[in-house]
Amino acid sequence: MTPIHEVINRIVWDTEFGNAHFVIGYYDRVCQRVVRVSFERIRLERGQHFGFDLIGGDGEARMVPYHRVREVVRNGVLVWSRPGPV
């Protein structure tokens, strides 16, 4: 299985692959379900190897660890997934 950080790097750096609409599904421990968000709401910080910031509707950034990412959807097609929460 391709690690999630490699998939995200491909979205960012491979212009042909990244030229699409992406949705990231991550497990939210509070809601106890997978939450799907548009890739545009994600901010990657240089040097951060454990997760990404998710910009909420209130403008606040929340850190999402990579191990909570469960799926990546490209133009409506599931292109990456991992089993449910541990």
PDB file of N, CA and C in Angstrom:
ATOM      1  N   MET A   1       0.847  -1.183   0.000  1.00  0.00           N
ATOM      2  CA  MET A   1       0.000   0.000   0.000  1.00  0.00           C
ATOM      3  C   MET A   1       0.890   1.242   0.000  1.00  0.00           C
ATOM      4  N   THR A   2       0.527   2.193  -0.818  1.00  0.00           N
ATOM      5  CA  THR A   2       1.247   3.461  -0.878  1.00  0.00           C
ATOM      6  C   THR A   2       0.930   4.269   0.370  1.00  0.00           C
ATOM      7  N   PRO A   3       1.942   4.774   1.078  1.00  0.00           N
ATOM      8  CA  PRO A   3       1.683   5.609   2.260  1.00  0.00           C
ATOM      9  C   PRO A   3       0.932   6.888   1.879  1.00  0.00           C
ATOM     10  N   ILE A   4       0.073   7.356   2.778  1.00  0.00           N
ATOM     11  CA  ILE A   4      -0.760   8.528   2.496  1.00  0.00           C
ATOM     12  C   ILE A   4       0.068   9.771   2.203  1.00  0.00           C
ATOM     13  N   HIS A   5       1.202   9.932   2.870  1.00  0.00           N
ATOM     14  CA  HIS A   5       1.995  11.138   2.602  1.00  0.00           C
ATOM     15  C   HIS A   5       2.519  11.133   1.155  1.00  0.00           C
ATOM     16  N   GLU A   6       2.752   9.956   0.574  1.00  0.00           N
ATOM     17  CA  GLU A   6       3.181   9.888  -0.821  1.00  0.00           C
ATOM     18  C   GLU A   6       2.029  10.231  -1.770  1.00  0.00           C
ATOM     19  N   VAL A   7       0.825   9.819  -1.426  1.00  0.00           N
ATOM     20  CA  VAL A   7      -0.343  10.168  -2.239  1.00  0.00           C
ATOM     21  C   VAL A   7      -0.548  11.682  -2.219  1.00  0.00           C
ATOM     22  N   ILE A   8      -0.462  12.278  -1.047  1.00  0.00           N
ATOM     23  CA  ILE A   8      -0.640  13.730  -0.927  1.00  0.00           C
ATOM     24  C   ILE A   8       0.468  14.469  -1.684  1.00  0.00           C
ATOM     25  N   ASN A   9       1.695  13.989  -1.582  1.00  0.00           N
ATOM     26  CA  ASN A   9       2.785  14.613  -2.339  1.00  0.00           C
ATOM     27  C   ASN A   9       2.536  14.518  -3.844  1.00  0.00           C
ATOM     28  N   ARG A  10       1.980  13.408  -4.292  1.00  0.00           N
ATOM     29  CA  ARG A  10       1.678  13.270  -5.723  1.00  0.00           C
ATOM     30  C   ARG A  10       0.599  14.269  -6.143  1.00  0.00           C
ATOM     31  N   ILE A  11      -0.404  14.470  -5.297  1.00  0.00           N
ATOM     32  CA  ILE A  11      -1.445  15.454  -5.608  1.00  0.00           C
ATOM     33  C   ILE A  11      -0.824  16.844  -5.774  1.00  0.00           C
ATOM     34  N   VAL A  12       0.101  17.174  -4.882  1.00  0.00           N
ATOM     35  CA  VAL A  12       0.717  18.505  -4.884  1.00  0.00           C
ATOM     36  C   VAL A  12       1.714  18.671  -6.031  1.00  0.00           C
ATOM     37  N   TRP A  13       2.551  17.672  -6.291  1.00  0.00           N
ATOM     38  CA  TRP A  13       3.685  17.852  -7.192  1.00  0.00           C
ATOM     39  C   TRP A  13       3.492  17.289  -8.590  1.00  0.00           C
ATOM     40  N   ASP A  14       2.602  16.328  -8.786  1.00  0.00           N
ATOM     41  CA  ASP A  14       2.366  15.760 -10.121  1.00  0.00           C
ATOM     42  C   ASP A  14       1.213  16.538 -10.753  1.00  0.00           C
ATOM     43  N   THR A  15       1.552  17.469 -11.643  1.00  0.00           N
ATOM     44  CA  THR A  15       0.535  18.374 -12.191  1.00  0.00           C
ATOM     45  C   THR A  15      -0.551  17.635 -12.969  1.00  0.00           C
ATOM     46  N   GLU A  16      -0.196  16.571 -13.665  1.00  0.00           N
ATOM     47  CA  GLU A  16      -1.207  15.826 -14.423  1.00  0.00           C
ATOM     48  C   GLU A  16      -2.180  15.114 -13.480  1.00  0.00           C
ATOM     49  N   PHE A  17      -1.656  14.440 -12.476  1.00  0.00           N
ATOM     50  CA  PHE A  17      -2.508  13.740 -11.509  1.00  0.00           C
ATOM     51  C   PHE A  17      -3.257  14.740 -10.628  1.00  0.00           C
ATOM     52  N   GLY A  18      -2.566  15.780 -10.207  1.00  0.00           N
ATOM     53  CA  GLY A  18      -3.140  16.750  -9.280  1.00  0.00           C
ATOM     54  C   GLY A  18      -4.154  17.706  -9.894  1.00  0.00           C
ATOM     55  N   ASN A  19      -4.274  17.709 -11.209  1.00  0.00           N
ATOM     56  CA  ASN A  19      -5.221  18.588 -11.891  1.00  0.00           C
ATOM     57  C   ASN A  19      -6.605  17.943 -11.867  1.00  0.00           C
ATOM     58  N   ALA A  20      -7.194  17.859 -10.681  1.00  0.00           N
ATOM     59  CA  ALA A  20      -8.490  17.193 -10.482  1.00  0.00           C
ATOM     60  C   ALA A  20      -9.068  17.693  -9.163  1.00  0.00           C
ATOM     61  N   HIS A  21     -10.302  17.290  -8.895  1.00  0.00           N
ATOM     62  CA  HIS A  21     -10.923  17.621  -7.609  1.00  0.00           C
ATOM     63  C   HIS A  21     -10.704  16.446  -6.661  1.00  0.00           C
ATOM     64  N   PHE A  22     -10.069  16.716  -5.526  1.00  0.00           N
ATOM     65  CA  PHE A  22      -9.778  15.683  -4.544  1.00  0.00           C
ATOM     66  C   PHE A  22     -10.574  15.905  -3.267  1.00  0.00           C
ATOM     67  N   VAL A  23     -10.991  14.804  -2.681  1.00  0.00           N
ATOM     68  CA  VAL A  23     -11.659  14.801  -1.376  1.00  0.00           C
ATOM     69  C   VAL A  23     -10.875  13.843  -0.493  1.00  0.00           C
ATOM     70  N   ILE A  24     -10.578  14.294   0.711  1.00  0.00           N
ATOM     71  CA  ILE A  24      -9.866  13.486   1.692  1.00  0.00           C
ATOM     72  C   ILE A  24     -10.860  13.073   2.771  1.00  0.00           C
ATOM     73  N   GLY A  25     -10.900  11.794   3.082  1.00  0.00           N
ATOM     74  CA  GLY A  25     -11.754  11.302   4.160  1.00  0.00           C
ATOM     75  C   GLY A  25     -10.883  10.901   5.338  1.00  0.00           C
ATOM     76  N   TYR A  26     -11.135  11.506   6.491  1.00  0.00           N
ATOM     77  CA  TYR A  26     -10.351  11.180   7.686  1.00  0.00           C
ATOM     78  C   TYR A  26     -11.299  10.790   8.815  1.00  0.00           C
ATOM     79  N   TYR A  27     -10.801   9.962   9.727  1.00  0.00           N
ATOM     80  CA  TYR A  27     -11.610   9.525  10.862  1.00  0.00           C
ATOM     81  C   TYR A  27     -11.584  10.600  11.945  1.00  0.00           C
ATOM     82  N   ASP A  28     -12.765  11.106  12.274  1.00  0.00           N
ATOM     83  CA  ASP A  28     -12.910  12.111  13.328  1.00  0.00           C
ATOM     84  C   ASP A  28     -13.292  11.386  14.612  1.00  0.00           C
ATOM     85  N   ARG A  29     -12.422  11.454  15.608  1.00  0.00           N
ATOM     86  CA  ARG A  29     -12.664  10.729  16.857  1.00  0.00           C
ATOM     87  C   ARG A  29     -13.833  11.300  17.638  1.00  0.00           C
ATOM     88  N   VAL A  30     -14.124  12.580  17.505  1.00  0.00           N
ATOM     89  CA  VAL A  30     -15.250  13.186  18.222  1.00  0.00           C
ATOM     90  C   VAL A  30     -16.567  12.729  17.600  1.00  0.00           C
ATOM     91  N   CYS A  31     -16.669  12.835  16.283  1.00  0.00           N
ATOM     92  CA  CYS A  31     -17.888  12.419  15.573  1.00  0.00           C
ATOM     93  C   CYS A  31     -17.987  10.905  15.444  1.00  0.00           C
ATOM     94  N   GLN A  32     -16.868  10.220  15.600  1.00  0.00           N
ATOM     95  CA  GLN A  32     -16.757   8.761  15.460  1.00  0.00           C
ATOM     96  C   GLN A  32     -17.222   8.288  14.083  1.00  0.00           C
ATOM     97  N   ARG A  33     -16.759   9.001  13.059  1.00  0.00           N
ATOM     98  CA  ARG A  33     -17.077   8.625  11.684  1.00  0.00           C
ATOM     99  C   ARG A  33     -16.036   9.250  10.756  1.00  0.00           C
ATOM    100  N   VAL A  34     -16.063   8.816   9.496  1.00  0.00           N
ATOM    101  CA  VAL A  34     -15.176   9.399   8.491  1.00  0.00           C
ATOM    102  C   VAL A  34     -15.801  10.701   7.999  1.00  0.00           C
ATOM    103  N   VAL A  35     -15.017  11.762   8.044  1.00  0.00           N
ATOM    104  CA  VAL A  35     -15.445  13.083   7.576  1.00  0.00           C
ATOM    105  C   VAL A  35     -14.711  13.348   6.271  1.00  0.00           C
ATOM    106  N   ARG A  36     -15.436  13.773   5.266  1.00  0.00           N
ATOM    107  CA  ARG A  36     -14.855  14.048   3.950  1.00  0.00           C
ATOM    108  C   ARG A  36     -14.755  15.556   3.731  1.00  0.00           C
ATOM    109  N   VAL A  37     -13.569  15.983   3.315  1.00  0.00           N
ATOM    110  CA  VAL A  37     -13.330  17.410   3.080  1.00  0.00           C
ATOM    111  C   VAL A  37     -12.603  17.597   1.755  1.00  0.00           C
ATOM    112  N   SER A  38     -12.846  18.720   1.126  1.00  0.00           N
ATOM    113  CA  SER A  38     -12.171  19.051  -0.117  1.00  0.00           C
ATOM    114  C   SER A  38     -10.693  19.307   0.160  1.00  0.00           C
ATOM    115  N   PHE A  39      -9.853  18.882  -0.766  1.00  0.00           N
ATOM    116  CA  PHE A  39      -8.410  19.057  -0.611  1.00  0.00           C
ATOM    117  C   PHE A  39      -8.028  20.530  -0.490  1.00  0.00           C
ATOM    118  N   GLU A  40      -8.849  21.432  -1.036  1.00  0.00           N
ATOM    119  CA  GLU A  40      -8.554  22.866  -0.949  1.00  0.00           C
ATOM    120  C   GLU A  40      -8.544  23.372   0.495  1.00  0.00           C
ATOM    121  N   ARG A  41      -9.183  22.647   1.400  1.00  0.00           N
ATOM    122  CA  ARG A  41      -9.230  23.063   2.809  1.00  0.00           C
ATOM    123  C   ARG A  41      -8.020  22.579   3.599  1.00  0.00           C
ATOM    124  N   ILE A  42      -7.105  21.884   2.937  1.00  0.00           N
ATOM    125  CA  ILE A  42      -5.927  21.328   3.609  1.00  0.00           C
ATOM    126  C   ILE A  42      -4.730  22.244   3.394  1.00  0.00           C
ATOM    127  N   ARG A  43      -3.973  22.457   4.454  1.00  0.00           N
ATOM    128  CA  ARG A  43      -2.737  23.236   4.380  1.00  0.00           C
ATOM    129  C   ARG A  43      -1.586  22.340   4.836  1.00  0.00           C
ATOM    130  N   LEU A  44      -0.599  22.204   3.967  1.00  0.00           N
ATOM    131  CA  LEU A  44       0.575  21.409   4.271  1.00  0.00           C
ATOM    132  C   LEU A  44       1.684  22.335   4.736  1.00  0.00           C
ATOM    133  N   GLU A  45       2.239  22.032   5.878  1.00  0.00           N
ATOM    134  CA  GLU A  45       3.309  22.861   6.426  1.00  0.00           C
ATOM    135  C   GLU A  45       4.648  22.188   6.162  1.00  0.00           C
ATOM    136  N   ARG A  46       5.590  22.956   5.646  1.00  0.00           N
ATOM    137  CA  ARG A  46       6.923  22.430   5.369  1.00  0.00           C
ATOM    138  C   ARG A  46       7.537  21.864   6.645  1.00  0.00           C
ATOM    139  N   GLY A  47       8.069  20.661   6.553  1.00  0.00           N
ATOM    140  CA  GLY A  47       8.700  20.029   7.704  1.00  0.00           C
ATOM    141  C   GLY A  47       7.746  19.241   8.588  1.00  0.00           C
ATOM    142  N   GLN A  48       6.449  19.339   8.332  1.00  0.00           N
ATOM    143  CA  GLN A  48       5.462  18.586   9.117  1.00  0.00           C
ATOM    144  C   GLN A  48       5.268  17.226   8.442  1.00  0.00           C
ATOM    145  N   HIS A  49       5.747  16.171   9.099  1.00  0.00           N
ATOM    146  CA  HIS A  49       5.724  14.842   8.505  1.00  0.00           C
ATOM    147  C   HIS A  49       4.662  13.933   9.109  1.00  0.00           C
ATOM    148  N   PHE A  50       3.870  14.439  10.034  1.00  0.00           N
ATOM    149  CA  PHE A  50       2.926  13.580  10.747  1.00  0.00           C
ATOM    150  C   PHE A  50       1.465  13.899  10.452  1.00  0.00           C
ATOM    151  N   GLY A  51       1.198  14.990   9.743  1.00  0.00           N
ATOM    152  CA  GLY A  51      -0.190  15.344   9.468  1.00  0.00           C
ATOM    153  C   GLY A  51      -0.279  16.640   8.688  1.00  0.00           C
ATOM    154  N   PHE A  52      -1.498  17.154   8.599  1.00  0.00           N
ATOM    155  CA  PHE A  52      -1.751  18.396   7.879  1.00  0.00           C
ATOM    156  C   PHE A  52      -2.756  19.217   8.668  1.00  0.00           C
ATOM    157  N   ASP A  53      -2.838  20.497   8.345  1.00  0.00           N
ATOM    158  CA  ASP A  53      -3.828  21.373   8.963  1.00  0.00           C
ATOM    159  C   ASP A  53      -5.074  21.395   8.096  1.00  0.00           C
ATOM    160  N   LEU A  54      -6.210  21.281   8.741  1.00  0.00           N
ATOM    161  CA  LEU A  54      -7.504  21.382   8.072  1.00  0.00           C
ATOM    162  C   LEU A  54      -8.119  22.705   8.490  1.00  0.00           C
ATOM    163  N   ILE A  55      -8.456  23.542   7.515  1.00  0.00           N
ATOM    164  CA  ILE A  55      -9.048  24.841   7.799  1.00  0.00           C
ATOM    165  C   ILE A  55     -10.557  24.656   7.904  1.00  0.00           C
ATOM    166  N   GLY A  56     -11.096  24.909   9.085  1.00  0.00           N
ATOM    167  CA  GLY A  56     -12.526  24.752   9.334  1.00  0.00           C
ATOM    168  C   GLY A  56     -13.329  25.918   8.789  1.00  0.00           C
ATOM    169  N   GLY A  57     -14.641  25.787   8.844  1.00  0.00           N
ATOM    170  CA  GLY A  57     -15.540  26.845   8.391  1.00  0.00           C
ATOM    171  C   GLY A  57     -15.372  28.128   9.175  1.00  0.00           C
ATOM    172  N   ASP A  58     -14.849  28.009  10.403  1.00  0.00           N
ATOM    173  CA  ASP A  58     -14.617  29.175  11.244  1.00  0.00           C
ATOM    174  C   ASP A  58     -13.256  29.823  10.988  1.00  0.00           C
ATOM    175  N   GLY A  59     -12.490  29.242  10.027  1.00  0.00           N
ATOM    176  CA  GLY A  59     -11.172  29.780   9.717  1.00  0.00           C
ATOM    177  C   GLY A  59     -10.062  29.245  10.595  1.00  0.00           C
ATOM    178  N   GLU A  60     -10.410  28.462  11.594  1.00  0.00           N
ATOM    179  CA  GLU A  60      -9.417  27.889  12.505  1.00  0.00           C
ATOM    180  C   GLU A  60      -8.786  26.644  11.881  1.00  0.00           C
ATOM    181  N   ALA A  61      -7.496  26.460  12.139  1.00  0.00           N
ATOM    182  CA  ALA A  61      -6.778  25.283  11.643  1.00  0.00           C
ATOM    183  C   ALA A  61      -6.794  24.192  12.715  1.00  0.00           C
ATOM    184  N   ARG A  62      -7.072  22.971  12.268  1.00  0.00           N
ATOM    185  CA  ARG A  62      -7.044  21.816  13.154  1.00  0.00           C
ATOM    186  C   ARG A  62      -6.093  20.801  12.543  1.00  0.00           C
ATOM    187  N   MET A  63      -5.206  20.241  13.352  1.00  0.00           N
ATOM    188  CA  MET A  63      -4.235  19.279  12.853  1.00  0.00           C
ATOM    189  C   MET A  63      -4.879  17.906  12.723  1.00  0.00           C
ATOM    190  N   VAL A  64      -4.709  17.284  11.566  1.00  0.00           N
ATOM    191  CA  VAL A  64      -5.206  15.931  11.323  1.00  0.00           C
ATOM    192  C   VAL A  64      -3.988  15.047  11.068  1.00  0.00           C
ATOM    193  N   PRO A  65      -3.747  14.067  11.939  1.00  0.00           N
ATOM    194  CA  PRO A  65      -2.611  13.163  11.713  1.00  0.00           C
ATOM    195  C   PRO A  65      -2.847  12.282  10.492  1.00  0.00           C
ATOM    196  N   TYR A  66      -1.784  11.982   9.785  1.00  0.00           N
ATOM    197  CA  TYR A  66      -1.899  11.144   8.594  1.00  0.00           C
ATOM    198  C   TYR A  66      -2.511   9.778   8.903  1.00  0.00           C
ATOM    199  N   HIS A  67      -2.263   9.241  10.088  1.00  0.00           N
ATOM    200  CA  HIS A  67      -2.785   7.902  10.386  1.00  0.00           C
ATOM    201  C   HIS A  67      -4.317   7.871  10.477  1.00  0.00           C
ATOM    202  N   ARG A  68      -4.952   9.042  10.552  1.00  0.00           N
ATOM    203  CA  ARG A  68      -6.417   9.078  10.577  1.00  0.00           C
ATOM    204  C   ARG A  68      -7.052   9.183   9.188  1.00  0.00           C
ATOM    205  N   VAL A  69      -6.241   9.425   8.164  1.00  0.00           N
ATOM    206  CA  VAL A  69      -6.782   9.499   6.805  1.00  0.00           C
ATOM    207  C   VAL A  69      -7.196   8.094   6.379  1.00  0.00           C
ATOM    208  N   ARG A  70      -8.427   7.974   5.888  1.00  0.00           N
ATOM    209  CA  ARG A  70      -8.984   6.676   5.501  1.00  0.00           C
ATOM    210  C   ARG A  70      -9.193   6.528   4.004  1.00  0.00           C
ATOM    211  N   GLU A  71      -9.350   7.668   3.282  1.00  0.00           N
ATOM    212  CA  GLU A  71      -9.613   7.549   1.847  1.00  0.00           C
ATOM    213  C   GLU A  71      -9.252   8.826   1.111  1.00  0.00           C
ATOM    214  N   VAL A  72      -8.958   8.651  -0.177  1.00  0.00           N
ATOM    215  CA  VAL A  72      -8.717   9.771  -1.085  1.00  0.00           C
ATOM    216  C   VAL A  72      -9.569   9.508  -2.324  1.00  0.00           C
ATOM    217  N   VAL A  73     -10.353  10.518  -2.688  1.00  0.00           N
ATOM    218  CA  VAL A  73     -11.237  10.418  -3.849  1.00  0.00           C
ATOM    219  C   VAL A  73     -10.799  11.463  -4.868  1.00  0.00           C
ATOM    220  N   ARG A  74     -10.642  11.018  -6.118  1.00  0.00           N
ATOM    221  CA  ARG A  74     -10.235  11.912  -7.216  1.00  0.00           C
ATOM    222  C   ARG A  74     -11.365  11.942  -8.239  1.00  0.00           C
ATOM    223  N   ASN A  75     -11.939  13.116  -8.440  1.00  0.00           N
ATOM    224  CA  ASN A  75     -13.052  13.286  -9.385  1.00  0.00           C
ATOM    225  C   ASN A  75     -14.148  12.241  -9.171  1.00  0.00           C
ATOM    226  N   GLY A  76     -14.462  11.992  -7.901  1.00  0.00           N
ATOM    227  CA  GLY A  76     -15.548  11.078  -7.566  1.00  0.00           C
ATOM    228  C   GLY A  76     -15.177   9.608  -7.550  1.00  0.00           C
ATOM    229  N   VAL A  77     -13.919   9.274  -7.831  1.00  0.00           N
ATOM    230  CA  VAL A  77     -13.474   7.880  -7.860  1.00  0.00           C
ATOM    231  C   VAL A  77     -12.484   7.639  -6.723  1.00  0.00           C
ATOM    232  N   LEU A  78     -12.739   6.603  -5.933  1.00  0.00           N
ATOM    233  CA  LEU A  78     -11.842   6.255  -4.836  1.00  0.00           C
ATOM    234  C   LEU A  78     -10.508   5.789  -5.405  1.00  0.00           C
ATOM    235  N   VAL A  79      -9.402   6.487  -5.062  1.00  0.00           N
ATOM    236  CA  VAL A  79      -8.081   6.129  -5.587  1.00  0.00           C
ATOM    237  C   VAL A  79      -7.150   5.593  -4.512  1.00  0.00           C
ATOM    238  N   TRP A  80      -7.527   5.731  -3.222  1.00  0.00           N
ATOM    239  CA  TRP A  80      -6.703   5.238  -2.132  1.00  0.00           C
ATOM    240  C   TRP A  80      -7.589   5.041  -0.924  1.00  0.00           C
ATOM    241  N   SER A  81      -7.369   3.956  -0.203  1.00  0.00           N
ATOM    242  CA  SER A  81      -8.114   3.751   1.040  1.00  0.00           C
ATOM    243  C   SER A  81      -7.331   2.825   1.963  1.00  0.00           C
ATOM    244  N   ARG A  82      -7.693   2.866   3.222  1.00  0.00           N
ATOM    245  CA  ARG A  82      -7.113   1.966   4.211  1.00  0.00           C
ATOM    246  C   ARG A  82      -8.253   1.476   5.098  1.00  0.00           C
ATOM    247  N   PRO A  83      -8.048   0.379   5.814  1.00  0.00           N
ATOM    248  CA  PRO A  83      -9.110  -0.141   6.685  1.00  0.00           C
ATOM    249  C   PRO A  83      -9.535   0.869   7.746  1.00  0.00           C
ATOM    250  N   GLY A  84     -10.672   0.625   8.350  1.00  0.00           N
ATOM    251  CA  GLY A  84     -11.252   1.509   9.360  1.00  0.00           C
ATOM    252  C   GLY A  84     -10.357   1.762  10.547  1.00  0.00           C
ATOM    253  N   PRO A  85     -10.853   2.545  11.507  1.00  0.00           N
ATOM    254  CA  PRO A  85     -10.040   2.948  12.665  1.00  0.00           C
ATOM    255  C   PRO A  85      -9.544   1.757  13.467  1.00  0.00           C
ATOM    256  N   VAL A  86      -8.380   1.959  14.038  1.00  0.00           N
ATOM    257  CA  VAL A  86      -7.744   0.914  14.842  1.00  0.00           C
ATOM    258  C   VAL A  86      -8.370   0.897  16.218  1.00  0.00           C
TER     259      VAL A  86
END
